[in-house]
N, C-alpha and C. Protein backbone atom coordinates (compact mmCIF):
# COMPACT_ATOMS: atom_id res chain seq x y z
N MET A 1 192.45 -114.29 66.92
CA MET A 1 193.75 -114.39 66.30
C MET A 1 194.66 -115.19 67.24
N SER A 2 195.28 -116.19 66.70
CA SER A 2 196.19 -117.01 67.50
C SER A 2 197.50 -116.25 67.74
N ALA A 3 198.24 -116.72 68.72
CA ALA A 3 199.51 -116.08 69.05
C ALA A 3 200.48 -116.13 67.88
N LYS A 4 200.54 -117.26 67.20
CA LYS A 4 201.44 -117.39 66.05
C LYS A 4 201.02 -116.45 64.92
N ASN A 5 199.74 -116.38 64.69
CA ASN A 5 199.22 -115.50 63.66
C ASN A 5 199.52 -114.04 63.99
N TYR A 6 199.31 -113.65 65.23
CA TYR A 6 199.62 -112.29 65.67
C TYR A 6 201.11 -111.99 65.48
N ARG A 7 201.94 -112.94 65.89
CA ARG A 7 203.39 -112.77 65.75
C ARG A 7 203.77 -112.56 64.29
N ASP A 8 203.23 -113.43 63.41
CA ASP A 8 203.59 -113.37 62.00
C ASP A 8 203.03 -112.15 61.28
N LYS A 9 201.83 -111.72 61.64
CA LYS A 9 201.17 -110.65 60.89
C LYS A 9 201.34 -109.26 61.51
N LYS A 10 201.59 -109.19 62.80
CA LYS A 10 201.67 -107.88 63.47
C LYS A 10 203.06 -107.61 64.06
N ALA A 11 203.52 -108.51 64.93
CA ALA A 11 204.73 -108.24 65.70
C ALA A 11 205.98 -108.23 64.82
N LEU A 12 206.18 -109.27 64.01
CA LEU A 12 207.40 -109.34 63.20
C LEU A 12 207.52 -108.19 62.19
N PRO A 13 206.45 -107.84 61.47
CA PRO A 13 206.58 -106.69 60.57
C PRO A 13 206.93 -105.39 61.32
N LEU A 14 206.37 -105.22 62.51
CA LEU A 14 206.67 -104.02 63.29
C LEU A 14 208.14 -104.01 63.72
N VAL A 15 208.63 -105.15 64.16
CA VAL A 15 210.04 -105.25 64.55
C VAL A 15 210.95 -104.96 63.36
N GLU A 16 210.60 -105.47 62.20
CA GLU A 16 211.40 -105.21 60.99
C GLU A 16 211.41 -103.72 60.65
N LYS A 17 210.27 -103.06 60.80
CA LYS A 17 210.22 -101.62 60.55
C LYS A 17 211.11 -100.86 61.53
N PHE A 18 211.05 -101.25 62.80
CA PHE A 18 211.90 -100.62 63.81
C PHE A 18 213.38 -100.82 63.50
N LYS A 19 213.73 -102.02 63.07
CA LYS A 19 215.13 -102.30 62.73
C LYS A 19 215.59 -101.42 61.58
N GLU A 20 214.73 -101.23 60.59
CA GLU A 20 215.07 -100.39 59.44
C GLU A 20 215.24 -98.93 59.86
N VAL A 21 214.37 -98.45 60.74
CA VAL A 21 214.46 -97.07 61.23
C VAL A 21 215.76 -96.87 62.00
N VAL A 22 216.09 -97.80 62.88
CA VAL A 22 217.32 -97.70 63.66
C VAL A 22 218.54 -97.72 62.74
N LYS A 23 218.52 -98.58 61.75
CA LYS A 23 219.62 -98.66 60.79
C LYS A 23 219.80 -97.33 60.06
N ASN A 24 218.68 -96.77 59.57
CA ASN A 24 218.75 -95.50 58.84
C ASN A 24 219.21 -94.36 59.74
N LEU A 25 218.75 -94.33 60.97
CA LEU A 25 219.18 -93.28 61.90
C LEU A 25 220.67 -93.41 62.23
N THR A 26 221.15 -94.62 62.36
CA THR A 26 222.57 -94.84 62.63
C THR A 26 223.42 -94.35 61.47
N ILE A 27 222.99 -94.67 60.26
CA ILE A 27 223.72 -94.21 59.07
C ILE A 27 223.74 -92.69 59.01
N LYS A 28 222.59 -92.06 59.26
CA LYS A 28 222.51 -90.60 59.21
C LYS A 28 223.40 -89.98 60.29
N CYS A 29 223.42 -90.57 61.47
CA CYS A 29 224.25 -90.07 62.56
C CYS A 29 225.73 -90.11 62.18
N VAL A 30 226.16 -91.20 61.59
CA VAL A 30 227.56 -91.33 61.17
C VAL A 30 227.88 -90.31 60.09
N GLN A 31 226.96 -90.12 59.14
CA GLN A 31 227.18 -89.14 58.08
C GLN A 31 227.30 -87.73 58.65
N LEU A 32 226.43 -87.37 59.59
CA LEU A 32 226.48 -86.04 60.19
C LEU A 32 227.77 -85.84 60.99
N LYS A 33 228.21 -86.87 61.69
CA LYS A 33 229.46 -86.78 62.44
C LYS A 33 230.63 -86.55 61.50
N GLU A 34 230.65 -87.28 60.37
CA GLU A 34 231.72 -87.10 59.40
C GLU A 34 231.68 -85.71 58.79
N GLN A 35 230.48 -85.20 58.50
CA GLN A 35 230.36 -83.85 57.95
C GLN A 35 230.87 -82.81 58.94
N ARG A 36 230.53 -82.99 60.21
CA ARG A 36 230.99 -82.07 61.25
C ARG A 36 232.50 -82.10 61.37
N GLN A 37 233.06 -83.29 61.35
CA GLN A 37 234.51 -83.40 61.46
C GLN A 37 235.20 -82.75 60.26
N GLU A 38 234.64 -82.94 59.07
CA GLU A 38 235.20 -82.32 57.87
C GLU A 38 235.10 -80.79 57.95
N ALA A 39 233.97 -80.28 58.41
CA ALA A 39 233.80 -78.83 58.55
C ALA A 39 234.76 -78.28 59.59
N ASP A 40 234.93 -78.99 60.70
CA ASP A 40 235.87 -78.56 61.73
C ASP A 40 237.30 -78.56 61.19
N HIS A 41 237.62 -79.58 60.41
CA HIS A 41 238.96 -79.69 59.84
C HIS A 41 239.22 -78.54 58.86
N GLN A 42 238.22 -78.23 58.04
CA GLN A 42 238.37 -77.16 57.05
C GLN A 42 238.49 -75.79 57.72
N SER A 43 237.84 -75.63 58.87
CA SER A 43 237.89 -74.34 59.54
C SER A 43 239.10 -74.23 60.47
N GLY A 44 239.89 -75.30 60.55
CA GLY A 44 241.10 -75.26 61.36
C GLY A 44 240.90 -75.66 62.79
N ARG A 45 239.68 -76.01 63.18
CA ARG A 45 239.42 -76.44 64.53
C ARG A 45 239.71 -77.93 64.67
N THR A 46 240.04 -78.32 65.86
CA THR A 46 240.20 -79.75 66.15
C THR A 46 239.01 -80.22 66.94
N THR A 47 238.64 -81.47 66.75
CA THR A 47 237.49 -82.00 67.46
C THR A 47 237.95 -82.76 68.70
N SER A 48 237.10 -82.78 69.68
CA SER A 48 237.40 -83.56 70.87
C SER A 48 237.18 -85.03 70.57
N ALA A 49 237.65 -85.87 71.45
CA ALA A 49 237.48 -87.32 71.26
C ALA A 49 236.03 -87.69 71.50
N ASP A 50 235.26 -87.83 70.40
CA ASP A 50 233.83 -88.18 70.50
C ASP A 50 233.66 -89.67 70.54
């Protein structure tokens, strides 16, 4: 397998999968932070500067 072939068939698809996972985890993290802030607000607590 040539280097270009390896890059096109193995490396780039793997990098794209990693990018998608990081994107999804970032979105989930933001959603959880917002949920926590809303729960803290509803319970009367204030949140620290995160």
